[in-house]
Amino acid sequence: MAERDLEFVEFIIKAIVDSPDKVQLDRKVDEMGVLITLKVDKEDMGKVIGKDGSTAKSIRTLLRVIGAKNNARVNFKIEEPEGSEGQAPAPSKPDVESVVDDLKL
């Protein structure tokens, strides 16, 4: 199975995205199994994730099948690019005055 799971993901992702040259994959093996990490151009994130995450779920399901066939656990992680729309802004902490004002009845 060595690297066949990675080749599978690379083939699928490069066929889906508009910028296949910006696809970066990493494969790590540890006691938990195999972890395949994907980085794509931020413009391609929607294509990789799919509506309601359907594309990513499908890829994960197929990787589970590949892993089961080879007695390995294969996980798939999509790293969100810096500055992409999906990242929630860091929550701001309220200042003391606004908290005190909220407490006044």
N, C-alpha and C. Protein backbone atom coordinates (compact mmCIF):
# COMPACT_ATOMS: atom_id res chain seq x y z
N MET A 1 0.83 -1.19 0.00
CA MET A 1 0.00 0.00 0.00
C MET A 1 0.87 1.25 0.00
N ALA A 2 2.13 1.07 0.33
CA ALA A 2 3.02 2.21 0.47
C ALA A 2 2.80 3.23 -0.63
N GLU A 3 2.25 4.36 -0.24
CA GLU A 3 2.09 5.50 -1.13
C GLU A 3 0.93 5.37 -2.13
N ARG A 4 0.30 4.21 -2.26
CA ARG A 4 -0.81 4.10 -3.21
C ARG A 4 -1.98 4.96 -2.78
N ASP A 5 -2.19 5.09 -1.47
CA ASP A 5 -3.25 5.94 -0.96
C ASP A 5 -2.97 7.40 -1.32
N LEU A 6 -1.72 7.79 -1.22
CA LEU A 6 -1.32 9.16 -1.55
C LEU A 6 -1.50 9.42 -3.05
N GLU A 7 -1.12 8.47 -3.87
CA GLU A 7 -1.29 8.61 -5.32
C GLU A 7 -2.77 8.73 -5.68
N PHE A 8 -3.61 7.98 -5.00
CA PHE A 8 -5.05 8.04 -5.23
C PHE A 8 -5.59 9.44 -4.93
N VAL A 9 -5.24 9.97 -3.76
CA VAL A 9 -5.72 11.30 -3.37
C VAL A 9 -5.20 12.35 -4.35
N GLU A 10 -3.94 12.25 -4.70
CA GLU A 10 -3.35 13.22 -5.63
C GLU A 10 -4.09 13.21 -6.97
N PHE A 11 -4.38 12.03 -7.48
CA PHE A 11 -5.09 11.91 -8.75
C PHE A 11 -6.47 12.56 -8.67
N ILE A 12 -7.22 12.26 -7.62
CA ILE A 12 -8.58 12.78 -7.46
C ILE A 12 -8.56 14.30 -7.30
N ILE A 13 -7.72 14.81 -6.40
CA ILE A 13 -7.69 16.24 -6.11
C ILE A 13 -7.25 17.05 -7.33
N LYS A 14 -6.22 16.60 -8.00
CA LYS A 14 -5.73 17.34 -9.17
C LYS A 14 -6.76 17.36 -10.30
N ALA A 15 -7.64 16.36 -10.35
CA ALA A 15 -8.70 16.34 -11.35
C ALA A 15 -9.82 17.31 -10.99
N ILE A 16 -9.98 17.62 -9.71
CA ILE A 16 -11.08 18.47 -9.24
C ILE A 16 -10.73 19.96 -9.30
N VAL A 17 -9.51 20.32 -8.92
CA VAL A 17 -9.15 21.73 -8.72
C VAL A 17 -8.79 22.44 -10.02
N ASP A 18 -8.81 23.77 -9.95
CA ASP A 18 -8.41 24.60 -11.09
C ASP A 18 -6.90 24.83 -11.13
N SER A 19 -6.23 24.73 -9.97
CA SER A 19 -4.79 24.96 -9.88
C SER A 19 -4.08 23.69 -9.38
N PRO A 20 -3.97 22.66 -10.24
CA PRO A 20 -3.35 21.42 -9.78
C PRO A 20 -1.87 21.58 -9.40
N ASP A 21 -1.22 22.60 -9.94
CA ASP A 21 0.18 22.83 -9.61
C ASP A 21 0.37 23.31 -8.17
N LYS A 22 -0.70 23.78 -7.52
CA LYS A 22 -0.60 24.27 -6.15
C LYS A 22 -1.03 23.21 -5.12
N VAL A 23 -1.33 22.01 -5.59
CA VAL A 23 -1.72 20.93 -4.68
C VAL A 23 -0.47 20.41 -3.98
N GLN A 24 -0.54 20.36 -2.64
CA GLN A 24 0.56 19.82 -1.84
C GLN A 24 0.01 18.73 -0.94
N LEU A 25 0.64 17.58 -0.98
CA LEU A 25 0.22 16.45 -0.15
C LEU A 25 1.38 15.99 0.70
N ASP A 26 1.03 15.54 1.90
CA ASP A 26 2.03 15.01 2.81
C ASP A 26 1.47 13.72 3.41
N ARG A 27 2.30 12.71 3.54
CA ARG A 27 1.86 11.42 4.10
C ARG A 27 2.75 11.07 5.28
N LYS A 28 2.11 10.85 6.43
CA LYS A 28 2.85 10.46 7.63
C LYS A 28 2.26 9.18 8.18
N VAL A 29 3.12 8.29 8.67
CA VAL A 29 2.69 7.04 9.27
C VAL A 29 3.17 7.02 10.71
N ASP A 30 2.24 6.71 11.63
CA ASP A 30 2.62 6.55 13.03
C ASP A 30 1.79 5.43 13.63
N GLU A 31 1.79 5.29 14.95
CA GLU A 31 1.07 4.20 15.60
C GLU A 31 -0.45 4.30 15.40
N MET A 32 -0.95 5.47 15.06
CA MET A 32 -2.38 5.67 14.83
C MET A 32 -2.80 5.30 13.40
N GLY A 33 -1.84 5.16 12.51
CA GLY A 33 -2.14 4.84 11.12
C GLY A 33 -1.48 5.82 10.18
N VAL A 34 -2.14 6.04 9.06
CA VAL A 34 -1.62 6.93 8.02
C VAL A 34 -2.41 8.23 8.06
N LEU A 35 -1.70 9.34 7.96
CA LEU A 35 -2.35 10.65 7.87
C LEU A 35 -1.91 11.30 6.57
N ILE A 36 -2.88 11.61 5.73
CA ILE A 36 -2.61 12.32 4.48
C ILE A 36 -3.13 13.74 4.67
N THR A 37 -2.24 14.71 4.53
CA THR A 37 -2.59 16.11 4.70
C THR A 37 -2.56 16.80 3.34
N LEU A 38 -3.59 17.59 3.07
CA LEU A 38 -3.73 18.26 1.78
C LEU A 38 -3.73 19.77 1.96
N LYS A 39 -3.01 20.44 1.08
CA LYS A 39 -3.05 21.90 0.98
C LYS A 39 -3.35 22.24 -0.47
N VAL A 40 -4.31 23.15 -0.68
CA VAL A 40 -4.65 23.60 -2.03
C VAL A 40 -4.77 25.11 -2.02
N ASP A 41 -4.83 25.69 -3.21
CA ASP A 41 -5.06 27.11 -3.36
C ASP A 41 -6.40 27.46 -2.71
N LYS A 42 -6.47 28.63 -2.07
CA LYS A 42 -7.71 28.97 -1.35
C LYS A 42 -8.91 29.06 -2.28
N GLU A 43 -8.69 29.34 -3.55
CA GLU A 43 -9.79 29.39 -4.52
C GLU A 43 -10.37 28.00 -4.80
N ASP A 44 -9.60 26.95 -4.52
CA ASP A 44 -10.03 25.59 -4.79
C ASP A 44 -10.63 24.88 -3.57
N MET A 45 -10.63 25.52 -2.43
CA MET A 45 -11.13 24.88 -1.21
C MET A 45 -12.57 24.40 -1.36
N GLY A 46 -13.42 25.21 -1.95
CA GLY A 46 -14.82 24.83 -2.12
C GLY A 46 -14.99 23.58 -2.96
N LYS A 47 -14.16 23.44 -3.98
CA LYS A 47 -14.23 22.27 -4.85
C LYS A 47 -13.80 21.02 -4.10
N VAL A 48 -12.79 21.15 -3.26
CA VAL A 48 -12.26 20.00 -2.52
C VAL A 48 -13.24 19.58 -1.42
N ILE A 49 -13.83 20.54 -0.74
CA ILE A 49 -14.74 20.22 0.36
C ILE A 49 -16.10 19.79 -0.19
N GLY A 50 -16.60 20.49 -1.19
CA GLY A 50 -17.89 20.15 -1.78
C GLY A 50 -19.05 20.69 -0.96
N LYS A 51 -20.24 20.59 -1.52
CA LYS A 51 -21.44 21.09 -0.85
C LYS A 51 -21.69 20.25 0.41
N ASP A 52 -21.80 20.94 1.53
CA ASP A 52 -21.98 20.29 2.84
C ASP A 52 -20.88 19.28 3.14
N GLY A 53 -19.71 19.46 2.56
CA GLY A 53 -18.58 18.57 2.84
C GLY A 53 -18.66 17.23 2.11
N SER A 54 -19.54 17.14 1.12
CA SER A 54 -19.77 15.85 0.46
C SER A 54 -18.54 15.30 -0.26
N THR A 55 -17.79 16.15 -0.92
CA THR A 55 -16.61 15.67 -1.65
C THR A 55 -15.55 15.16 -0.68
N ALA A 56 -15.28 15.93 0.36
CA ALA A 56 -14.29 15.50 1.36
C ALA A 56 -14.73 14.20 2.04
N LYS A 57 -16.02 14.08 2.36
CA LYS A 57 -16.53 12.85 2.99
C LYS A 57 -16.36 11.66 2.06
N SER A 58 -16.61 11.87 0.78
CA SER A 58 -16.46 10.78 -0.20
C SER A 58 -15.01 10.33 -0.30
N ILE A 59 -14.09 11.27 -0.32
CA ILE A 59 -12.66 10.92 -0.38
C ILE A 59 -12.27 10.15 0.87
N ARG A 60 -12.75 10.60 2.03
CA ARG A 60 -12.44 9.90 3.29
C ARG A 60 -13.00 8.47 3.27
N THR A 61 -14.21 8.30 2.75
CA THR A 61 -14.82 6.97 2.68
C THR A 61 -13.98 6.05 1.79
N LEU A 62 -13.58 6.55 0.63
CA LEU A 62 -12.76 5.74 -0.27
C LEU A 62 -11.40 5.41 0.35
N LEU A 63 -10.84 6.34 1.10
CA LEU A 63 -9.57 6.07 1.78
C LEU A 63 -9.73 5.00 2.86
N ARG A 64 -10.89 5.00 3.53
CA ARG A 64 -11.15 3.95 4.52
C ARG A 64 -11.19 2.58 3.85
N VAL A 65 -11.79 2.52 2.67
CA VAL A 65 -11.85 1.26 1.92
C VAL A 65 -10.44 0.81 1.53
N ILE A 66 -9.65 1.74 1.03
CA ILE A 66 -8.26 1.42 0.66
C ILE A 66 -7.50 0.94 1.89
N GLY A 67 -7.68 1.65 3.01
CA GLY A 67 -7.00 1.26 4.25
C GLY A 67 -7.44 -0.10 4.74
N ALA A 68 -8.75 -0.37 4.71
CA ALA A 68 -9.26 -1.66 5.19
C ALA A 68 -8.71 -2.81 4.34
N LYS A 69 -8.60 -2.57 3.07
CA LYS A 69 -8.06 -3.60 2.16
C LYS A 69 -6.61 -3.94 2.52
N ASN A 70 -5.91 -2.95 3.08
CA ASN A 70 -4.49 -3.14 3.40
C ASN A 70 -4.21 -3.16 4.90
N ASN A 71 -5.26 -3.39 5.71
CA ASN A 71 -5.13 -3.46 7.17
C ASN A 71 -4.46 -2.23 7.76
N ALA A 72 -4.87 -1.06 7.33
CA ALA A 72 -4.32 0.19 7.84
C ALA A 72 -5.45 1.20 8.01
N ARG A 73 -5.25 2.11 8.92
CA ARG A 73 -6.21 3.19 9.12
C ARG A 73 -5.67 4.42 8.39
N VAL A 74 -6.46 4.95 7.46
CA VAL A 74 -6.02 6.10 6.68
C VAL A 74 -6.92 7.28 7.01
N ASN A 75 -6.33 8.38 7.46
CA ASN A 75 -7.05 9.61 7.77
C ASN A 75 -6.68 10.67 6.75
N PHE A 76 -7.62 11.59 6.51
CA PHE A 76 -7.43 12.63 5.51
C PHE A 76 -7.73 13.98 6.14
N LYS A 77 -6.76 14.87 6.09
CA LYS A 77 -6.90 16.20 6.69
C LYS A 77 -6.70 17.25 5.61
N ILE A 78 -7.61 18.22 5.57
CA ILE A 78 -7.50 19.33 4.63
C ILE A 78 -7.10 20.56 5.43
N GLU A 79 -5.94 21.11 5.13
CA GLU A 79 -5.48 22.31 5.83
C GLU A 79 -6.05 23.53 5.14
N GLU A 80 -6.62 24.41 5.94
CA GLU A 80 -7.21 25.63 5.39
C GLU A 80 -6.12 26.66 5.14
N PRO A 81 -6.08 27.25 3.95
CA PRO A 81 -5.05 28.23 3.63
C PRO A 81 -5.21 29.50 4.47
N GLU A 82 -4.10 30.18 4.71
CA GLU A 82 -4.13 31.44 5.44
C GLU A 82 -5.02 32.43 4.72
N GLY A 83 -5.83 33.15 5.48
CA GLY A 83 -6.65 34.20 4.92
C GLY A 83 -7.86 33.72 4.15
N SER A 84 -8.17 32.43 4.24
CA SER A 84 -9.34 31.94 3.51
C SER A 84 -10.61 32.34 4.24
N GLU A 85 -11.71 32.34 3.53
CA GLU A 85 -12.97 32.82 4.07
C GLU A 85 -13.51 31.92 5.16
N GLY A 86 -13.14 30.66 5.16
CA GLY A 86 -13.68 29.71 6.13
C GLY A 86 -13.13 29.88 7.53
N GLN A 87 -12.01 30.56 7.65
CA GLN A 87 -11.43 30.72 8.97
C GLN A 87 -12.20 31.77 9.74
N ALA A 88 -12.62 31.39 10.92
CA ALA A 88 -13.34 32.33 11.77
C ALA A 88 -12.35 33.33 12.35
N PRO A 89 -12.76 34.58 12.44
CA PRO A 89 -11.85 35.55 13.05
C PRO A 89 -11.68 35.24 14.53
N ALA A 90 -10.54 35.59 15.03
CA ALA A 90 -10.27 35.35 16.45
C ALA A 90 -11.26 36.16 17.28
N PRO A 91 -11.87 35.51 18.27
CA PRO A 91 -12.84 36.25 19.08
C PRO A 91 -12.15 37.36 19.87
N SER A 92 -12.82 38.49 19.93
CA SER A 92 -12.24 39.61 20.68
C SER A 92 -12.74 39.56 22.11
N LYS A 93 -11.89 39.94 23.03
CA LYS A 93 -12.26 39.95 24.44
C LYS A 93 -12.91 41.29 24.76
N PRO A 94 -14.00 41.25 25.50
CA PRO A 94 -14.64 42.52 25.85
C PRO A 94 -13.78 43.28 26.87
N ASP A 95 -13.84 44.59 26.78
CA ASP A 95 -13.08 45.38 27.75
C ASP A 95 -13.90 45.49 29.05
N VAL A 96 -13.25 45.91 30.09
CA VAL A 96 -13.85 45.97 31.42
C VAL A 96 -15.07 46.88 31.43
N GLU A 97 -14.98 48.04 30.78
CA GLU A 97 -16.11 48.98 30.80
C GLU A 97 -17.37 48.39 30.17
N SER A 98 -17.20 47.68 29.06
CA SER A 98 -18.39 47.11 28.42
C SER A 98 -19.00 46.02 29.27
N VAL A 99 -18.19 45.26 30.00
CA VAL A 99 -18.74 44.24 30.89
C VAL A 99 -19.49 44.90 32.04
N VAL A 100 -18.92 45.96 32.62
CA VAL A 100 -19.58 46.67 33.71
C VAL A 100 -20.88 47.31 33.22
N ASP A 101 -20.87 47.90 32.03
CA ASP A 101 -22.08 48.50 31.48
C ASP A 101 -23.18 47.45 31.27
N ASP A 102 -22.78 46.24 30.85
CA ASP A 102 -23.75 45.18 30.66
C ASP A 102 -24.38 44.74 31.98
N LEU A 103 -23.65 44.89 33.08
CA LEU A 103 -24.14 44.46 34.37
C LEU A 103 -25.10 45.47 35.00
N LYS A 104 -25.05 46.73 34.57
CA LYS A 104 -25.93 47.74 35.12
C LYS A 104 -27.37 47.49 34.67
N LEU A 105 -28.25 47.54 35.61
CA LEU A 105 -29.67 47.28 35.31
C LEU A 105 -30.48 48.52 35.27
